[in-house]
Amino acid sequence: MTDTLQILIAMVIYMAIVIVIGIVYAKKANTSSENYYLGGRSLGPWVTAMSAEASDMSGWLLMGLPGVAYWLGLSDAVWTAIGLAVGTYFNWLIVSKRLRRYSIRANNSITLPEFFSNRFREKKKVIMTLSAVFILVFFTVYAASCLVTCGKLFSTLFDMPYVTMMILGTVFVLLYTILGGFLAESASDFMQGIVMIAALAVIVIITTISAGGIGNVIQNAREIPGFLEFFGMATPTIGEDGLQVVENGVAVFGEKTPYGLLNICSMFAWGLGYFGMPQVLLRFMAIRKEEELKSSRRIAMIWVVISLTVAVFIGIVGRQLFPVEHLTKASAENIFITLATSSLPAILAGFVMAGILAATISSSDSYLLIAASAFAKNIFQGVCKKDATDKQVMRVSRITLLAIAIIAGVIAIDENSVIFDVVSFAWSGFGATFGPLMLFSLFWKRTTKEGAVAGMVGGAGMVFLWKLVISKLGGVFAIYELLPAFIFSAILILVVSLLTKEPSKEIQEDFEAVRAK
C-alpha cells in the first residue's frame, strides 16, 4: 500500500466520523431554527470552550501561523499569538456572561444581528440589516481562507490540481454544514479541537527530536539575522523570479529589519478582534448555564496558549529541517504538511493531516452557518417576510449556504493566496465592525441606535480605506488596519450617541436588569 493511499484512508476515516456526527445531530437540529442556529442553548462548558476556539483558529493555526514563523522568524508570529491569547482571555472574562444574559433579555436573540436589533428595540431593522450584510461580506472572505487551506492541503498531499482539490473540499464542508447545523458543528468542533492540539503536539515533539533537540533548533535560528528576536525580524532575500535566493544549499537572508513599538501594537491589535467575532460570541450565547462560563474560560485559555505556542515553534523547527523547501511566503504555509509527511509513518501522517482538515472544517462550517443565518433569519425573516415559517427560513438558509460557498470558492481560486493575509483582513473587518459596538452595547447604557449604526459603518469603512489606501503610504500608516478602524468605530459610537436622543426608558430598564444580576 502506497504512502499516499494510507494518508487518504486515514483522512477518509476522519471525514466519515465527522459525517456521522452530522447525521446524529441532524434530527434535533432540524426541529426548529433556534436548534439549528444556536443548539437550543444546550452546550456544556467543554464543548463551548473547545468549539469556540477550534472554529476561531481554523487552518490558520496549523498553516498560517507556522508559515509566518518559518518565513520571517519569531517576532511577527509571537506578538500576534500574544495578542490573540490576551484578547481571548478578556473576551471570556468580561463579555461572555453579560452577552449570554443580555441575549435572553433581548427577546431571546439567537443570532448576533438579532441581538443588536433587539438590544436597541429598533422597529425599522436598520441595525439588523446592516450587521447581517457585514457578516455576509466578511464571512465570505473568511470562508475563502478555509477553502484555500483545503486546496493547499489536498494538492500538496496528492499532487493534484489546486482548484480541483479546493472545489472538492468546498463540497464536503457545504454538505456537512447543511446536514447538521449548530449542534453538529459544535460537537464536531469539540472533537476537532482535540485533534488539532494533538496534531500540533505530535509534530513538535517528533520534529524537535529529529532536529537534535531544542538547543540545536535555537542555535540554528540564531544564525539567521533577526529570526529569533522579539524586536527584530528576518528578511528573506528574494530573487528576480520571486523566490527566496538559495546559495550552496542555504536560504539567503538580508540584514534584520527593526521591529519597534508600532509593529508590536499592530500585531497585538489582533486581540481586539475577539470582541467582534460572531463564531465565538455565539458560543457565549449558546452555553446551557451562565455559571459554566468560568470553567469554559479556563479550558479555552489552556487550549489557546498551548496551541499558539506550539504552532509558532513548529515554524522555527521547520526552518532548520527544511531550510530551502519553501521559497515563497505562500509556500511557507505548507511547512506543517512537509514536517508531518516526512517525519511520520504514512497512516499517522494521515491522521495528523486530519488535524488541518479539522481546523478548516471547524471554522468553515461556523462561517457558512452564521453567514447563512444572517441572511435567512435576519434579512429574509426579519425584514422581507416577517411571517416566514421555520421551514421557509431553513430552506432559504441552505440556498444561502450554497451561494456563499460558490462566492468563497471564486475568491479562493488563486493558489498563491496567503492564508494569513486573507484571515487578517476578515478578522479586522469583524473586529472593527462589531467589537466596539459589542462592548458599548453591553457596558454603556447611553449607547444609542444611531451611534450603533455609525460605529458599524465607520468601522467597516475604515477597514477597507486603511487597507486599500492609507496603508500604502507606509511608515506609521502601515499599521494593521484593525487598530485604527477599531478606535475610529469606538469614537463614532461615543460621539454620535452623545449627540442623539438618549435611549428610551424600556431600553435603559433592559440594561439595568442585565447589569443588576
Protein backbone atom coordinates (compact mmCIF):
# COMPACT_ATOMS: atom_id res chain seq x y z
CA MET A 1 0.00 0.00 0.00
CA THR A 2 1.47 3.36 -1.03
CA ASP A 3 2.05 6.17 1.44
CA THR A 4 -0.43 8.38 -0.40
CA LEU A 5 -3.14 5.73 -0.14
CA GLN A 6 -2.52 5.28 3.59
CA ILE A 7 -2.80 9.02 4.15
CA LEU A 8 -6.02 9.10 2.15
CA ILE A 9 -7.50 6.20 4.14
CA ALA A 10 -6.75 7.91 7.44
CA MET A 11 -8.35 11.15 6.28
CA VAL A 12 -11.41 9.34 4.90
CA ILE A 13 -11.90 7.67 8.29
CA TYR A 14 -11.78 11.05 9.95
CA MET A 15 -14.20 12.61 7.47
CA ALA A 16 -16.59 9.67 7.97
CA ILE A 17 -16.63 10.33 11.72
CA VAL A 18 -17.46 13.98 11.08
CA ILE A 19 -20.34 12.98 8.79
CA VAL A 20 -21.72 10.55 11.41
CA ILE A 21 -21.76 13.39 13.94
CA GLY A 22 -23.75 15.47 11.47
CA ILE A 23 -26.28 12.66 10.98
CA VAL A 24 -26.67 12.08 14.73
CA TYR A 25 -27.47 15.73 15.39
CA ALA A 26 -29.44 16.40 12.21
CA LYS A 27 -32.81 15.30 13.62
CA LYS A 28 -32.66 17.61 16.62
CA ALA A 29 -31.10 20.45 14.63
CA ASN A 30 -33.93 20.50 12.13
CA THR A 31 -36.76 20.68 14.66
CA SER A 32 -36.54 24.50 14.84
CA SER A 33 -34.45 27.42 13.72
CA GLU A 34 -33.31 28.02 17.32
CA ASN A 35 -31.91 24.49 17.48
CA TYR A 36 -30.38 24.82 14.02
CA TYR A 37 -28.69 28.17 14.66
CA LEU A 38 -27.96 28.09 18.41
CA GLY A 39 -28.38 24.49 19.53
CA GLY A 40 -31.22 25.36 21.89
CA ARG A 41 -28.70 26.94 24.30
CA SER A 42 -27.66 23.47 25.42
CA LEU A 43 -23.85 23.44 25.12
CA GLY A 44 -21.79 22.25 28.07
CA PRO A 45 -18.61 24.05 29.22
CA TRP A 46 -16.17 21.74 27.43
CA VAL A 47 -17.99 21.86 24.10
CA THR A 48 -18.49 25.62 24.44
CA ALA A 49 -14.80 26.26 25.05
CA MET A 50 -13.34 23.84 22.54
CA SER A 51 -15.79 24.63 19.75
CA ALA A 52 -15.30 28.37 20.22
CA GLU A 53 -11.53 28.14 19.92
CA ALA A 54 -11.43 25.47 17.20
CA SER A 55 -13.86 27.41 15.00
CA ASP A 56 -11.90 30.59 15.67
CA MET A 57 -8.39 29.34 14.90
CA SER A 58 -9.14 27.42 11.68
CA GLY A 59 -6.44 26.16 9.30
CA TRP A 60 -4.66 29.42 10.08
CA LEU A 61 -3.37 27.83 13.29
CA LEU A 62 -1.74 24.86 11.56
CA MET A 63 -0.68 26.52 8.32
CA GLY A 64 -0.82 30.31 8.52
CA LEU A 65 0.92 30.90 11.86
CA PRO A 66 3.71 28.31 11.37
CA GLY A 67 4.17 29.75 7.87
CA VAL A 68 4.77 33.24 9.27
CA ALA A 69 7.30 31.89 11.80
CA TYR A 70 9.06 29.87 9.07
CA TRP A 71 9.24 32.84 6.70
CA LEU A 72 10.01 35.80 8.99
CA GLY A 73 11.01 34.32 12.32
CA LEU A 74 9.70 34.81 15.82
CA SER A 75 8.57 38.44 16.11
CA ASP A 76 5.51 38.72 13.86
CA ALA A 77 4.21 35.31 14.86
CA VAL A 78 4.80 35.58 18.59
CA TRP A 79 3.34 39.10 19.02
CA THR A 80 0.27 38.01 17.07
CA ALA A 81 -0.04 34.96 19.32
CA ILE A 82 0.32 37.06 22.48
CA GLY A 83 -2.33 39.48 21.23
CA LEU A 84 -4.70 36.62 20.50
CA ALA A 85 -4.16 35.00 23.89
CA VAL A 86 -4.80 38.27 25.75
CA GLY A 87 -7.87 39.01 23.60
CA THR A 88 -9.23 35.52 24.24
CA TYR A 89 -8.90 35.92 27.99
CA PHE A 90 -10.64 39.29 28.23
CA ASN A 91 -13.39 38.27 25.84
CA TRP A 92 -14.26 35.29 28.05
CA LEU A 93 -13.79 37.36 31.21
CA ILE A 94 -15.85 40.49 30.51
CA VAL A 95 -18.10 39.74 27.54
CA SER A 96 -19.28 36.14 27.85
CA LYS A 97 -21.56 36.29 30.92
CA ARG A 98 -23.20 39.60 30.13
CA LEU A 99 -23.80 38.68 26.49
CA ARG A 100 -25.36 35.34 27.43
CA ARG A 101 -27.65 37.13 29.91
CA TYR A 102 -28.44 40.08 27.63
CA SER A 103 -29.22 37.90 24.60
CA ILE A 104 -32.01 36.24 26.59
CA ARG A 105 -33.31 39.56 27.88
CA ALA A 106 -33.26 40.95 24.33
CA ASN A 107 -36.23 38.82 23.26
CA ASN A 108 -34.24 35.55 23.32
CA SER A 109 -31.96 36.58 20.43
CA ILE A 110 -30.32 33.65 18.63
CA THR A 111 -28.09 35.50 16.14
CA LEU A 112 -25.75 38.45 16.53
CA PRO A 113 -27.72 40.82 14.23
CA GLU A 114 -30.88 39.88 16.11
CA PHE A 115 -29.22 40.68 19.43
CA PHE A 116 -28.07 44.13 18.30
CA SER A 117 -31.50 44.87 16.83
CA ASN A 118 -33.40 43.73 19.93
CA ARG A 119 -30.91 45.41 22.24
CA PHE A 120 -31.92 48.80 20.78
CA ARG A 121 -35.58 47.82 20.25
CA GLU A 122 -35.46 49.09 16.69
CA LYS A 123 -38.59 48.94 14.51
CA LYS A 124 -37.13 49.55 11.05
CA LYS A 125 -34.44 46.86 11.44
CA VAL A 126 -31.61 49.05 10.16
CA ILE A 127 -29.04 47.65 12.59
CA MET A 128 -30.18 44.09 11.87
CA THR A 129 -29.88 44.54 8.11
CA LEU A 130 -26.51 46.29 8.22
CA SER A 131 -24.95 43.80 10.62
CA ALA A 132 -26.28 40.88 8.56
CA VAL A 133 -24.78 42.37 5.38
CA PHE A 134 -21.39 42.89 7.04
CA ILE A 135 -21.44 39.31 8.33
CA LEU A 136 -22.17 38.06 4.82
CA VAL A 137 -19.29 40.09 3.35
CA PHE A 138 -16.59 39.28 5.90
CA PHE A 139 -17.55 35.65 6.46
CA THR A 140 -17.46 35.02 2.73
CA VAL A 141 -13.85 36.24 2.77
CA TYR A 142 -13.19 34.18 5.90
CA ALA A 143 -14.67 31.06 4.30
CA ALA A 144 -12.43 31.64 1.30
CA SER A 145 -9.36 31.36 3.56
CA CYS A 146 -10.58 27.93 4.70
CA LEU A 147 -11.05 26.81 1.11
CA VAL A 148 -7.51 27.95 0.29
CA THR A 149 -6.36 25.72 3.16
CA CYS A 150 -8.30 22.76 1.73
CA GLY A 151 -6.86 23.35 -1.72
CA LYS A 152 -3.27 23.63 -0.48
CA LEU A 153 -3.60 20.60 1.76
CA PHE A 154 -5.01 18.19 -0.79
CA SER A 155 -2.98 19.43 -3.74
CA THR A 156 0.25 19.11 -1.74
CA LEU A 157 -0.59 15.66 -0.41
CA PHE A 158 -1.94 14.06 -3.55
CA ASP A 159 -0.17 16.08 -6.25
CA MET A 160 -3.50 17.09 -7.78
CA PRO A 161 -4.55 20.45 -9.27
CA TYR A 162 -5.16 23.05 -6.57
CA VAL A 163 -8.51 24.25 -7.95
CA THR A 164 -9.92 20.72 -8.20
CA MET A 165 -8.96 19.93 -4.62
CA MET A 166 -10.31 23.25 -3.37
CA ILE A 167 -13.69 22.56 -5.00
CA LEU A 168 -13.87 19.05 -3.50
CA GLY A 169 -13.14 20.48 -0.05
CA THR A 170 -15.88 23.08 -0.56
CA VAL A 171 -18.44 20.42 -1.46
CA PHE A 172 -17.66 18.35 1.64
CA VAL A 173 -17.87 21.30 4.03
CA LEU A 174 -21.08 22.53 2.42
CA LEU A 175 -22.84 19.16 2.66
CA TYR A 176 -21.80 18.73 6.28
CA THR A 177 -22.96 22.22 7.31
CA ILE A 178 -26.34 21.82 5.59
CA LEU A 179 -26.87 18.48 7.29
CA GLY A 180 -26.40 19.19 10.97
CA GLY A 181 -26.49 22.88 11.84
CA PHE A 182 -25.06 24.44 15.00
CA LEU A 183 -25.25 21.37 17.28
CA ALA A 184 -23.39 19.16 14.84
CA GLU A 185 -20.93 21.94 14.17
CA SER A 186 -20.23 22.47 17.88
CA ALA A 187 -19.96 18.76 18.68
CA SER A 188 -17.57 18.13 15.81
CA ASP A 189 -15.62 21.27 16.71
CA PHE A 190 -15.06 19.80 20.16
CA MET A 191 -13.56 16.69 18.58
CA GLN A 192 -11.61 18.76 16.08
CA GLY A 193 -10.15 20.93 18.82
CA ILE A 194 -8.72 17.77 20.38
CA VAL A 195 -7.41 16.57 17.01
CA MET A 196 -5.78 19.94 16.31
CA ILE A 197 -3.87 20.18 19.57
CA ALA A 198 -2.87 16.50 19.36
CA ALA A 199 -1.56 17.02 15.82
CA LEU A 200 0.47 20.03 16.93
CA ALA A 201 1.92 18.17 19.92
CA VAL A 202 2.89 15.09 17.91
CA ILE A 203 4.63 17.08 15.20
CA VAL A 204 6.52 19.43 17.52
CA ILE A 205 7.84 16.56 19.68
CA ILE A 206 8.94 14.33 16.80
CA THR A 207 10.47 17.10 14.69
CA THR A 208 12.31 18.62 17.63
CA ILE A 209 13.88 15.23 18.31
CA SER A 210 14.77 14.90 14.61
CA ALA A 211 16.41 18.33 14.72
CA GLY A 212 18.67 17.25 17.58
CA GLY A 213 16.76 18.84 20.42
CA ILE A 214 15.61 22.32 21.40
CA GLY A 215 19.20 23.53 21.75
CA ASN A 216 20.01 22.76 18.12
CA VAL A 217 16.79 24.39 16.92
CA ILE A 218 17.55 27.59 18.83
CA GLN A 219 21.18 27.64 17.68
CA ASN A 220 20.14 27.30 14.05
CA ALA A 221 17.57 30.05 14.37
CA ARG A 222 20.10 32.42 15.93
CA GLU A 223 22.32 32.11 12.87
CA ILE A 224 19.65 33.84 10.77
CA PRO A 225 19.69 37.65 11.36
CA GLY A 226 16.59 38.69 13.33
CA PHE A 227 14.98 35.25 13.15
CA LEU A 228 14.81 34.56 16.90
CA GLU A 229 14.25 38.11 18.17
CA PHE A 230 11.23 39.81 19.68
CA PHE A 231 12.36 43.23 18.45
CA GLY A 232 13.87 42.31 15.08
CA MET A 233 12.58 40.46 12.03
CA ALA A 234 14.29 38.25 9.46
CA THR A 235 14.31 39.44 5.84
CA PRO A 236 14.35 36.72 3.16
CA THR A 237 16.34 37.78 0.08
CA ILE A 238 14.03 37.50 -2.93
CA GLY A 239 15.39 36.96 -6.43
CA GLU A 240 14.00 38.20 -9.75
CA ASP A 241 11.98 35.00 -10.10
CA GLY A 242 10.06 35.84 -6.91
CA LEU A 243 11.71 33.03 -4.93
CA GLN A 244 13.99 33.27 -1.94
CA VAL A 245 17.61 33.11 -3.07
CA VAL A 246 19.46 29.88 -2.29
CA GLU A 247 23.28 29.73 -2.31
CA ASN A 248 25.20 26.50 -1.72
CA GLY A 249 22.06 24.86 -0.39
CA VAL A 250 21.43 27.65 2.12
CA ALA A 251 18.48 30.08 2.07
CA VAL A 252 19.78 33.66 1.94
CA PHE A 253 18.58 36.36 4.33
CA GLY A 254 19.43 40.05 4.36
CA GLU A 255 20.03 42.27 7.35
CA LYS A 256 17.39 42.04 10.04
CA THR A 257 14.54 44.55 10.00
CA PRO A 258 13.95 46.56 13.20
CA TYR A 259 10.76 45.57 14.99
CA GLY A 260 9.59 48.51 17.05
CA LEU A 261 6.62 49.57 19.16
CA LEU A 262 4.47 50.28 16.10
CA ASN A 263 4.96 46.73 14.82
CA ILE A 264 4.18 45.29 18.24
CA CYS A 265 0.98 47.35 18.57
CA SER A 266 -0.01 46.29 15.08
CA MET A 267 0.27 42.58 15.85
CA PHE A 268 -1.01 42.91 19.42
CA ALA A 269 -4.14 44.52 17.97
CA TRP A 270 -5.22 41.09 16.76
CA GLY A 271 -6.59 40.58 20.28
CA LEU A 272 -9.17 43.35 19.75
CA GLY A 273 -10.79 41.27 17.04
CA TYR A 274 -12.22 38.81 19.54
CA PHE A 275 -14.84 41.27 20.79
CA GLY A 276 -16.47 41.18 17.36
CA MET A 277 -16.08 37.54 16.32
CA PRO A 278 -19.57 36.07 15.71
CA GLN A 279 -18.38 32.44 15.81
CA VAL A 280 -17.01 32.96 19.34
CA LEU A 281 -19.77 35.25 20.62
CA LEU A 282 -22.44 32.76 19.60
CA ARG A 283 -20.87 30.15 21.88
CA PHE A 284 -21.29 32.54 24.80
CA MET A 285 -24.98 32.81 23.91
CA ALA A 286 -25.40 29.03 23.44
CA ILE A 287 -23.98 27.68 26.71
CA ARG A 288 -26.63 26.00 28.87
CA LYS A 289 -25.75 27.78 32.13
CA GLU A 290 -24.13 31.15 32.69
CA GLU A 291 -22.23 29.79 35.69
CA GLU A 292 -20.36 27.33 33.48
CA LEU A 293 -18.63 30.09 31.53
CA LYS A 294 -15.89 30.30 34.15
CA SER A 295 -14.92 26.68 33.54
CA SER A 296 -15.13 27.27 29.80
CA ARG A 297 -12.76 30.22 30.09
CA ARG A 298 -10.11 28.11 31.82
CA ILE A 299 -10.41 25.32 29.28
CA ALA A 300 -10.25 27.78 26.39
CA MET A 301 -7.18 29.56 27.73
CA ILE A 302 -5.21 26.36 28.26
CA TRP A 303 -6.02 25.23 24.72
CA VAL A 304 -5.16 28.60 23.19
CA VAL A 305 -1.84 29.12 24.96
CA ILE A 306 -0.58 25.61 24.20
CA SER A 307 -1.76 25.65 20.59
CA LEU A 308 -0.36 29.07 19.71
CA THR A 309 3.00 28.38 21.37
CA VAL A 310 3.45 25.04 19.61
CA ALA A 311 2.31 26.42 16.23
CA VAL A 312 4.95 29.17 16.34
CA PHE A 313 7.68 26.73 17.38
CA ILE A 314 6.79 24.39 14.51
CA GLY A 315 7.68 27.16 12.07
CA ILE A 316 11.05 27.63 13.78
CA VAL A 317 11.82 23.89 13.71
CA GLY A 318 10.72 23.69 10.08
CA ARG A 319 13.29 26.30 9.05
CA GLN A 320 16.06 24.07 10.40
CA LEU A 321 14.85 20.78 8.96
CA PHE A 322 13.73 22.12 5.57
CA PRO A 323 15.57 25.43 5.05
CA VAL A 324 15.10 25.59 1.26
CA GLU A 325 11.90 23.60 0.80
CA HIS A 326 9.56 26.62 0.71
CA LEU A 327 10.85 29.68 -1.09
CA THR A 328 7.76 31.93 -1.15
CA LYS A 329 5.54 33.32 1.56
CA ALA A 330 2.56 31.35 0.21
CA SER A 331 4.55 28.10 0.01
CA ALA A 332 5.88 28.60 3.57
CA GLU A 333 2.38 27.85 4.85
CA ASN A 334 2.86 24.23 3.79
CA ILE A 335 5.65 23.64 6.31
CA PHE A 336 3.35 21.75 8.70
CA ILE A 337 2.40 19.35 5.89
CA THR A 338 6.05 18.87 4.95
CA LEU A 339 7.03 18.08 8.53
CA ALA A 340 4.17 15.64 9.04
CA THR A 341 4.63 13.67 5.84
CA SER A 342 8.40 13.44 6.25
CA SER A 343 8.60 12.51 9.93
CA LEU A 344 5.66 10.15 10.50
CA PRO A 345 4.53 6.80 9.12
CA ALA A 346 2.02 7.40 6.35
CA ILE A 347 -1.05 6.27 8.28
CA LEU A 348 -0.16 8.53 11.24
CA ALA A 349 0.64 11.39 8.89
CA GLY A 350 -2.87 10.95 7.51
CA PHE A 351 -4.40 11.42 10.93
CA VAL A 352 -2.18 14.45 11.57
CA MET A 353 -3.28 15.86 8.22
CA ALA A 354 -6.78 15.37 9.51
CA GLY A 355 -5.78 18.00 12.08
CA ILE A 356 -5.53 20.56 9.30
CA LEU A 357 -8.79 19.32 7.85
CA ALA A 358 -10.29 19.52 11.34
CA ALA A 359 -9.21 23.12 11.72
CA THR A 360 -10.58 24.02 8.32
CA ILE A 361 -13.93 22.29 8.76
CA SER A 362 -14.42 23.63 12.29
CA SER A 363 -14.10 27.17 11.00
CA SER A 364 -15.69 26.99 7.59
CA ASP A 365 -18.89 25.35 8.84
CA SER A 366 -19.17 28.06 11.51
CA TYR A 367 -18.61 30.83 8.98
CA LEU A 368 -21.07 29.41 6.46
CA LEU A 369 -23.74 28.75 9.06
CA ILE A 370 -23.51 32.18 10.68
CA ALA A 371 -23.45 33.95 7.31
CA ALA A 372 -26.46 31.96 6.12
CA SER A 373 -28.36 32.71 9.32
CA ALA A 374 -27.58 36.40 8.89
CA PHE A 375 -29.44 36.40 5.59
CA ALA A 376 -32.19 33.84 6.21
CA LYS A 377 -33.07 34.74 9.79
CA ASN A 378 -32.26 38.43 9.88
CA ILE A 379 -32.89 39.73 6.36
CA PHE A 380 -35.38 37.24 4.86
CA GLN A 381 -37.48 36.70 8.00
CA GLY A 382 -36.54 39.83 9.93
CA VAL A 383 -37.10 42.33 7.10
CA CYS A 384 -38.53 40.83 3.90
CA LYS A 385 -41.03 38.19 5.07
CA LYS A 386 -41.77 38.58 8.75
CA ASP A 387 -44.38 35.79 8.77
CA ALA A 388 -41.93 33.23 7.30
CA THR A 389 -42.15 29.79 8.91
CA ASP A 390 -39.18 27.93 10.36
CA LYS A 391 -39.17 25.61 7.35
CA GLN A 392 -39.03 28.55 4.95
CA VAL A 393 -36.21 30.17 6.93
CA MET A 394 -34.16 26.98 6.92
CA ARG A 395 -34.77 26.43 3.21
CA VAL A 396 -33.54 29.94 2.43
CA SER A 397 -30.61 29.33 4.78
CA ARG A 398 -29.47 26.31 2.78
CA ILE A 399 -29.80 28.19 -0.52
CA THR A 400 -27.72 30.99 1.01
CA LEU A 401 -25.10 28.47 2.15
CA LEU A 402 -24.70 27.32 -1.44
CA ALA A 403 -24.39 30.88 -2.77
CA ILE A 404 -21.80 31.87 -0.15
CA ALA A 405 -19.77 28.73 -0.79
CA ILE A 406 -19.68 29.46 -4.52
CA ILE A 407 -18.54 33.07 -4.00
CA ALA A 408 -15.93 32.00 -1.43
CA GLY A 409 -14.69 29.39 -3.91
CA VAL A 410 -14.23 32.05 -6.57
CA ILE A 411 -12.22 34.18 -4.12
CA ALA A 412 -10.10 31.12 -3.21
CA ILE A 413 -9.23 30.18 -6.82
CA ASP A 414 -5.76 31.81 -6.64
CA GLU A 415 -3.43 29.12 -5.28
CA ASN A 416 -0.87 31.81 -4.38
CA SER A 417 -3.24 33.26 -1.80
CA VAL A 418 -1.62 33.62 1.62
CA ILE A 419 -3.94 32.25 4.31
CA PHE A 420 -2.54 34.59 6.97
CA ASP A 421 -3.27 37.67 4.83
CA VAL A 422 -6.81 36.61 3.91
CA VAL A 423 -7.65 35.85 7.53
CA SER A 424 -6.14 39.10 8.79
CA PHE A 425 -8.42 41.18 6.56
CA ALA A 426 -11.62 39.33 7.54
CA TRP A 427 -10.54 39.40 11.20
CA SER A 428 -10.06 43.16 11.10
CA GLY A 429 -13.45 43.54 9.41
CA PHE A 430 -15.30 41.75 12.19
CA GLY A 431 -13.22 43.27 14.96
CA ALA A 432 -13.80 46.85 13.86
CA THR A 433 -17.42 46.43 12.75
CA PHE A 434 -18.78 44.59 15.78
CA GLY A 435 -16.11 44.76 18.51
CA PRO A 436 -16.64 48.34 19.73
CA LEU A 437 -20.42 48.02 19.31
CA MET A 438 -20.48 44.84 21.41
CA LEU A 439 -18.52 46.48 24.24
CA PHE A 440 -20.61 49.67 24.19
CA SER A 441 -23.87 47.69 23.95
CA LEU A 442 -23.01 45.60 26.99
CA PHE A 443 -21.38 48.23 29.19
CA TRP A 444 -22.66 51.73 28.31
CA LYS A 445 -26.34 52.48 28.91
CA ARG A 446 -26.19 55.74 26.93
CA THR A 447 -25.37 53.98 23.63
CA THR A 448 -27.99 54.85 21.01
CA LYS A 449 -29.08 53.05 17.85
CA GLU A 450 -27.73 55.98 15.80
CA GLY A 451 -24.37 55.53 17.49
CA ALA A 452 -24.53 51.81 16.79
CA VAL A 453 -25.14 52.38 13.09
CA ALA A 454 -22.37 54.98 12.86
CA GLY A 455 -19.92 52.68 14.65
CA MET A 456 -20.63 49.69 12.42
CA VAL A 457 -20.50 51.59 9.14
CA GLY A 458 -17.49 53.67 10.19
CA GLY A 459 -15.55 50.66 11.46
CA ALA A 460 -16.18 48.57 8.35
CA GLY A 461 -15.48 51.50 6.03
CA MET A 462 -12.22 52.34 7.78
CA VAL A 463 -11.00 48.74 7.41
CA PHE A 464 -11.35 48.99 3.63
CA LEU A 465 -10.00 52.55 3.45
CA TRP A 466 -6.96 51.82 5.61
CA LYS A 467 -6.16 48.51 3.96
CA LEU A 468 -6.55 49.66 0.35
CA VAL A 469 -5.44 53.29 0.52
CA ILE A 470 -3.91 54.67 3.72
CA SER A 471 -1.58 51.74 4.46
CA LYS A 472 0.06 52.24 1.05
CA LEU A 473 1.61 55.45 2.42
CA GLY A 474 3.93 53.30 4.55
CA GLY A 475 5.66 54.30 7.76
CA VAL A 476 3.27 54.78 10.67
CA PHE A 477 0.34 54.21 8.29
CA ALA A 478 1.43 50.62 7.61
CA ILE A 479 -0.07 49.53 10.94
CA TYR A 480 -2.61 46.68 10.91
CA GLU A 481 -5.95 48.17 9.85
CA LEU A 482 -7.85 46.69 12.80
CA LEU A 483 -6.30 49.10 15.32
CA PRO A 484 -7.21 52.44 13.66
CA ALA A 485 -10.58 51.10 12.49
CA PHE A 486 -11.46 49.84 16.00
CA ILE A 487 -10.56 53.21 17.54
CA PHE A 488 -12.46 55.11 14.84
CA SER A 489 -15.57 52.97 15.37
CA ALA A 490 -15.45 53.48 19.15
CA ILE A 491 -15.13 57.25 18.75
CA LEU A 492 -18.10 57.35 16.37
CA ILE A 493 -20.29 55.35 18.77
CA LEU A 494 -19.36 57.63 21.67
CA VAL A 495 -19.77 60.95 19.84
CA VAL A 496 -22.93 60.11 17.88
CA SER A 497 -24.59 58.60 20.97
CA LEU A 498 -23.92 61.77 22.96
CA LEU A 499 -25.27 63.93 20.13
CA THR A 500 -28.50 61.99 19.74
CA LYS A 501 -31.51 61.46 21.99
CA GLU A 502 -30.83 59.15 24.90
CA PRO A 503 -32.27 55.61 24.75
CA SER A 504 -35.89 55.02 25.73
CA LYS A 505 -36.90 54.09 29.25
CA GLU A 506 -37.51 50.47 28.18
CA ILE A 507 -34.01 50.12 26.70
CA GLN A 508 -32.44 51.54 29.85
CA GLU A 509 -34.51 49.22 32.02
CA ASP A 510 -33.26 46.25 30.00
CA PHE A 511 -29.70 47.40 30.52
CA GLU A 512 -30.13 47.85 34.27
CA ALA A 513 -31.85 44.47 34.63
CA VAL A 514 -28.94 42.72 32.95
CA ARG A 515 -26.33 44.64 34.92
CA ALA A 516 -28.07 44.01 38.25
CA LYS A 517 -27.85 40.21 38.04
